[in-house]
């Protein structure tokens, strides 16, 4: 695998509950790009993220997912890597993040650098300050985690994975950053801030970004490549113009869809349901 690939998937099929999802999937996510993973509920998006990141799957009804094929994350074979080795290669923001202890916000964010005790604490503090500014958390630092709203807690967790990503890139050159529906509990302002933060991470060549989204228009705006999964159809992978086509979306989502030029962004697309 090229050292410029954050993630390499070769002939991967996800099995869950006796069903094969994301059949015979092969793709490479370069450092510096954002891959948006789309699809209806039950298509295998979270199961694929779990397989690629080495995390336990929490999708669906609790049935465990299994993956066949080869998956490498920043040069490490995921199937044989230890949890400690993976923590020094990839950062993960799951759909739900739980904390056993009610810690101060800054301490939670600094936890992103825990896999790297060799890094200078002053550098970690600078990364933490930058993440706090990026996620608009300055006014909340005196609060405890359980005093925050769901959206504010999500911003804290995103700050933590920003620090984790920077720590990985500092030691290993680049990271793979996995995010599972990170915008679902955020208002419009903070959705835009999160996606802008991911674009900055990618542009700086700190990571390749694998993000699950339900908002097709957000995916069209921010992602370099898209992967559309379906419980019943073969995966579709490519640029927004290749994936976000009316015939494909109508078939996968089961409702009539229209795709038109974006009203304000040059060469952009706008996706609408006709129902």
Protein backbone atom coordinates (compact mmCIF):
# COMPACT_ATOMS: atom_id res chain seq x y z
CA UNK A 1 0.00 0.00 0.00
CA UNK A 2 1.23 3.48 -0.83
CA UNK A 3 2.23 5.52 2.19
CA UNK A 4 -0.09 8.21 0.82
CA UNK A 5 -3.11 5.93 1.32
CA UNK A 6 -4.89 6.33 4.64
CA UNK A 7 -7.15 3.35 3.97
CA UNK A 8 -7.01 0.51 1.46
CA UNK A 9 -9.93 -1.91 1.07
CA UNK A 10 -9.56 -4.97 -1.14
CA UNK A 11 -12.44 -7.34 -2.01
CA UNK A 12 -14.26 -6.65 1.27
CA UNK A 13 -17.71 -8.06 2.02
CA UNK A 14 -19.57 -7.35 5.27
CA UNK A 15 -21.76 -10.14 6.66
CA UNK A 16 -24.50 -9.36 9.17
CA UNK A 17 -27.50 -11.44 10.19
CA UNK A 18 -26.98 -13.84 7.30
CA UNK A 19 -26.90 -11.01 4.75
CA UNK A 20 -23.96 -9.89 2.67
CA UNK A 21 -23.51 -6.10 2.62
CA UNK A 22 -21.02 -3.96 0.67
CA UNK A 23 -20.18 -6.96 -1.50
CA UNK A 24 -16.69 -7.31 -3.02
CA UNK A 25 -15.79 -3.71 -2.26
CA UNK A 26 -12.36 -2.36 -3.22
CA UNK A 27 -11.20 1.24 -2.88
CA UNK A 28 -8.35 3.41 -1.66
CA UNK A 29 -8.74 6.57 0.46
CA UNK A 30 -5.74 8.84 -0.11
CA UNK A 31 -4.37 11.10 2.60
CA UNK A 32 -5.82 14.54 1.88
CA UNK A 33 -9.26 13.37 0.71
CA UNK A 34 -12.70 13.01 2.29
CA UNK A 35 -14.74 9.90 1.50
CA UNK A 36 -18.46 10.30 2.18
CA UNK A 37 -20.31 7.04 2.89
CA UNK A 38 -24.03 7.21 2.12
CA UNK A 39 -27.02 4.90 2.06
CA UNK A 40 -30.34 4.10 3.72
CA UNK A 41 -30.64 2.53 7.16
CA UNK A 42 -29.40 -1.04 7.28
CA UNK A 43 -27.11 -0.65 4.29
CA UNK A 44 -23.99 -1.52 6.29
CA UNK A 45 -22.41 1.92 6.68
CA UNK A 46 -21.53 1.60 10.37
CA UNK A 47 -20.56 -2.05 9.92
CA UNK A 48 -18.11 -1.04 7.21
CA UNK A 49 -16.67 1.74 9.37
CA UNK A 50 -16.29 -0.72 12.23
CA UNK A 51 -14.49 -3.23 10.03
CA UNK A 52 -12.15 -0.60 8.59
CA UNK A 53 -11.33 1.00 11.94
CA UNK A 54 -11.16 -2.17 14.01
CA UNK A 55 -13.97 -0.99 16.29
CA UNK A 56 -16.87 -3.19 17.41
CA UNK A 57 -19.98 -2.60 15.32
CA UNK A 58 -23.01 -1.07 16.98
CA UNK A 59 -25.27 -0.94 13.93
CA UNK A 60 -28.61 -2.58 13.60
CA UNK A 61 -30.23 -4.83 16.17
CA UNK A 62 -27.05 -5.83 17.94
CA UNK A 63 -26.04 -8.60 15.53
CA UNK A 64 -22.28 -8.72 15.17
CA UNK A 65 -20.87 -8.00 11.74
CA UNK A 66 -18.02 -9.90 10.12
CA UNK A 67 -15.80 -8.75 7.29
CA UNK A 68 -13.91 -10.78 4.71
CA UNK A 69 -11.19 -9.40 2.47
CA UNK A 70 -8.17 -7.21 3.22
CA UNK A 71 -8.25 -3.86 5.03
CA UNK A 72 -5.16 -1.74 5.72
CA UNK A 73 -5.24 1.46 7.73
CA UNK A 74 -2.17 3.69 7.23
CA UNK A 75 -0.11 0.63 6.35
CA UNK A 76 -1.32 -1.61 9.19
CA UNK A 77 -3.42 -4.71 8.53
CA UNK A 78 -6.51 -4.11 10.66
CA UNK A 79 -7.41 -7.78 11.18
CA UNK A 80 -4.13 -8.56 12.94
CA UNK A 81 -3.33 -5.23 14.62
CA UNK A 82 -3.73 -4.79 18.37
CA UNK A 83 -6.05 -2.14 19.78
CA UNK A 84 -3.01 -0.20 20.95
CA UNK A 85 -1.42 -0.29 17.51
CA UNK A 86 -4.65 0.89 15.88
CA UNK A 87 -5.00 3.74 18.37
CA UNK A 88 -1.70 5.08 17.04
CA UNK A 89 -2.92 4.87 13.43
CA UNK A 90 -6.53 5.98 13.31
CA UNK A 91 -9.01 8.18 15.21
CA UNK A 92 -12.71 7.31 15.54
CA UNK A 93 -15.79 9.36 16.36
CA UNK A 94 -18.71 6.92 16.78
CA UNK A 95 -22.41 7.77 16.66
CA UNK A 96 -22.55 7.84 20.44
CA UNK A 97 -19.68 8.48 22.84
CA UNK A 98 -20.08 7.52 26.50
CA UNK A 99 -17.98 8.54 29.49
CA UNK A 100 -17.73 6.63 32.76
CA UNK A 101 -16.38 9.67 34.61
CA UNK A 102 -17.71 13.22 34.49
CA UNK A 103 -14.44 14.94 33.58
CA UNK A 104 -13.65 18.57 32.81
CA UNK A 105 -14.04 19.37 29.12
CA UNK A 106 -10.38 20.21 28.49
CA UNK A 107 -9.27 16.94 30.05
CA UNK A 108 -11.60 14.99 27.75
CA UNK A 109 -10.20 16.76 24.70
CA UNK A 110 -6.61 16.13 25.81
CA UNK A 111 -7.45 12.40 26.00
CA UNK A 112 -6.99 12.37 22.23
CA UNK A 113 -3.24 12.33 22.77
CA UNK A 114 -3.23 9.52 25.38
CA UNK A 115 -1.87 6.86 22.96
CA UNK A 116 1.24 9.06 22.55
CA UNK A 117 2.86 9.67 25.95
CA UNK A 118 6.09 10.65 24.17
CA UNK A 119 4.59 13.87 22.75
CA UNK A 120 5.49 17.12 24.52
CA UNK A 121 2.53 18.21 26.74
CA UNK A 122 2.99 21.79 25.52
CA UNK A 123 2.31 20.63 21.97
CA UNK A 124 -0.77 18.72 23.10
CA UNK A 125 -1.99 21.87 24.86
CA UNK A 126 -1.62 23.87 21.65
CA UNK A 127 -3.56 21.26 19.69
CA UNK A 128 -6.23 21.30 22.39
CA UNK A 129 -6.51 25.10 22.24
CA UNK A 130 -6.83 24.97 18.45
CA UNK A 131 -9.54 22.28 18.64
CA UNK A 132 -11.48 24.26 21.24
CA UNK A 133 -11.40 27.32 19.00
CA UNK A 134 -12.37 25.25 15.94
CA UNK A 135 -15.43 23.80 17.70
CA UNK A 136 -16.52 27.02 19.43
CA UNK A 137 -16.21 25.61 22.98
CA UNK A 138 -14.40 28.49 24.70
CA UNK A 139 -17.47 29.56 26.67
CA UNK A 140 -18.07 26.03 28.02
CA UNK A 141 -14.69 25.13 29.52
CA UNK A 142 -15.81 25.76 33.10
CA UNK A 143 -18.63 23.21 32.76
CA UNK A 144 -18.64 19.48 33.39
CA UNK A 145 -19.41 17.14 30.53
CA UNK A 146 -22.83 16.04 31.81
CA UNK A 147 -23.96 19.67 32.03
CA UNK A 148 -23.67 20.05 28.26
CA UNK A 149 -26.36 19.52 25.66
CA UNK A 150 -26.09 16.60 23.24
CA UNK A 151 -24.74 18.85 20.51
CA UNK A 152 -22.18 20.42 22.84
CA UNK A 153 -21.02 16.97 23.96
CA UNK A 154 -20.59 16.01 20.31
CA UNK A 155 -18.42 19.07 19.76
CA UNK A 156 -16.25 18.02 22.72
CA UNK A 157 -15.84 14.56 21.24
CA UNK A 158 -15.01 16.01 17.84
CA UNK A 159 -12.36 18.20 19.51
CA UNK A 160 -10.90 15.06 21.09
CA UNK A 161 -10.59 13.27 17.73
CA UNK A 162 -9.03 16.39 16.20
CA UNK A 163 -6.30 16.21 18.85
CA UNK A 164 -5.99 12.45 18.29
CA UNK A 165 -5.62 12.97 14.54
CA UNK A 166 -2.93 15.60 14.97
CA UNK A 167 -1.05 13.35 17.39
CA UNK A 168 -1.14 10.43 14.94
CA UNK A 169 0.03 12.63 12.07
CA UNK A 170 2.79 14.11 14.22
CA UNK A 171 4.24 10.67 14.97
CA UNK A 172 3.33 8.63 11.88
CA UNK A 173 3.00 11.23 9.13
CA UNK A 174 -0.75 10.84 8.57
CA UNK A 175 -3.87 9.34 10.14
CA UNK A 176 -7.14 7.84 9.03
CA UNK A 177 -10.08 9.63 10.64
CA UNK A 178 -13.42 7.79 10.91
CA UNK A 179 -16.65 9.62 11.78
CA UNK A 180 -20.13 8.07 12.04
CA UNK A 181 -22.90 10.65 11.42
CA UNK A 182 -21.03 13.36 13.36
CA UNK A 183 -23.40 16.17 12.32
CA UNK A 184 -26.65 14.51 13.43
CA UNK A 185 -26.96 16.39 16.75
CA UNK A 186 -25.45 19.70 15.60
CA UNK A 187 -27.14 22.92 14.52
CA UNK A 188 -26.43 24.37 11.08
CA UNK A 189 -23.58 26.61 12.24
CA UNK A 190 -21.71 23.81 13.97
CA UNK A 191 -22.39 21.35 11.15
CA UNK A 192 -20.60 23.77 8.84
CA UNK A 193 -17.77 24.24 11.35
CA UNK A 194 -17.29 20.49 11.68
CA UNK A 195 -17.17 19.89 7.94
CA UNK A 196 -14.87 22.89 7.47
CA UNK A 197 -12.58 21.44 10.16
CA UNK A 198 -12.43 18.13 8.30
CA UNK A 199 -11.58 19.93 5.08
CA UNK A 200 -8.70 21.71 6.87
CA UNK A 201 -7.41 18.38 8.22
CA UNK A 202 -7.52 16.89 4.73
CA UNK A 203 -6.03 19.93 3.00
CA UNK A 204 -3.10 19.89 5.43
CA UNK A 205 -2.47 16.22 4.49
CA UNK A 206 -2.90 15.16 8.11
CA UNK A 207 -5.42 12.42 7.34
CA UNK A 208 -7.73 10.67 4.98
CA UNK A 209 -11.29 11.13 6.24
CA UNK A 210 -14.01 8.44 6.18
CA UNK A 211 -17.34 10.00 7.14
CA UNK A 212 -20.86 8.55 7.22
CA UNK A 213 -23.51 11.08 6.27
CA UNK A 214 -27.25 11.05 5.61
CA UNK A 215 -27.36 14.53 4.11
CA UNK A 216 -26.72 14.06 0.39
CA UNK A 217 -26.23 17.76 -0.23
CA UNK A 218 -23.65 18.03 2.53
CA UNK A 219 -21.83 15.06 1.01
CA UNK A 220 -21.92 16.67 -2.44
CA UNK A 221 -20.45 19.88 -1.07
CA UNK A 222 -17.65 18.60 1.14
CA UNK A 223 -16.58 15.11 0.00
CA UNK A 224 -14.02 14.30 -2.69
CA UNK A 225 -15.42 10.82 -3.33
CA UNK A 226 -18.66 9.10 -2.38
CA UNK A 227 -19.55 5.51 -1.58
CA UNK A 228 -23.26 4.71 -1.79
CA UNK A 229 -24.29 1.50 -0.02
CA UNK A 230 -27.59 -0.33 -0.29
CA UNK A 231 -29.05 -3.44 1.39
CA UNK A 232 -30.11 -4.78 -2.01
CA UNK A 233 -27.90 -3.22 -4.71
CA UNK A 234 -24.19 -3.24 -5.44
CA UNK A 235 -22.09 -0.40 -3.95
CA UNK A 236 -21.60 2.68 -6.11
CA UNK A 237 -18.28 4.52 -5.75
CA UNK A 238 -16.97 7.63 -7.46
CA UNK A 239 -17.28 11.39 -7.67
CA UNK A 240 -20.47 13.22 -6.68
CA UNK A 241 -21.50 13.45 -10.35
CA UNK A 242 -20.98 9.72 -10.79
CA UNK A 243 -22.83 8.65 -7.63
CA UNK A 244 -25.55 11.28 -7.14
CA UNK A 245 -27.58 10.43 -10.22
CA UNK A 246 -31.35 10.43 -10.23
CA UNK A 247 -31.68 6.85 -11.46
CA UNK A 248 -29.25 5.50 -8.85
CA UNK A 249 -30.68 7.46 -5.91
CA UNK A 250 -34.28 6.62 -6.78
CA UNK A 251 -33.41 2.92 -6.91
CA UNK A 252 -31.40 2.90 -3.66
CA UNK A 253 -33.67 5.11 -1.52
CA UNK A 254 -36.97 3.94 -2.98
CA UNK A 255 -38.36 7.44 -3.57
CA UNK A 256 -38.25 9.63 -6.70
CA UNK A 257 -35.17 11.90 -6.61
CA UNK A 258 -34.09 14.91 -8.64
CA UNK A 259 -30.52 16.17 -9.07
CA UNK A 260 -30.09 19.71 -10.42
CA UNK A 261 -27.26 22.26 -10.63
CA UNK A 262 -26.64 24.02 -7.33
CA UNK A 263 -28.22 27.50 -7.35
CA UNK A 264 -25.11 29.30 -6.02
CA UNK A 265 -22.06 26.99 -6.17
CA UNK A 266 -20.32 26.65 -9.51
CA UNK A 267 -20.33 23.00 -10.66
CA UNK A 268 -22.19 22.02 -7.49
CA UNK A 269 -25.19 19.66 -7.28
CA UNK A 270 -28.46 19.91 -5.40
CA UNK A 271 -30.40 16.73 -4.52
CA UNK A 272 -34.13 16.78 -3.78
CA UNK A 273 -36.75 14.17 -3.06
CA UNK A 274 -39.76 14.52 -5.34
CA UNK A 275 -42.15 13.26 -2.63
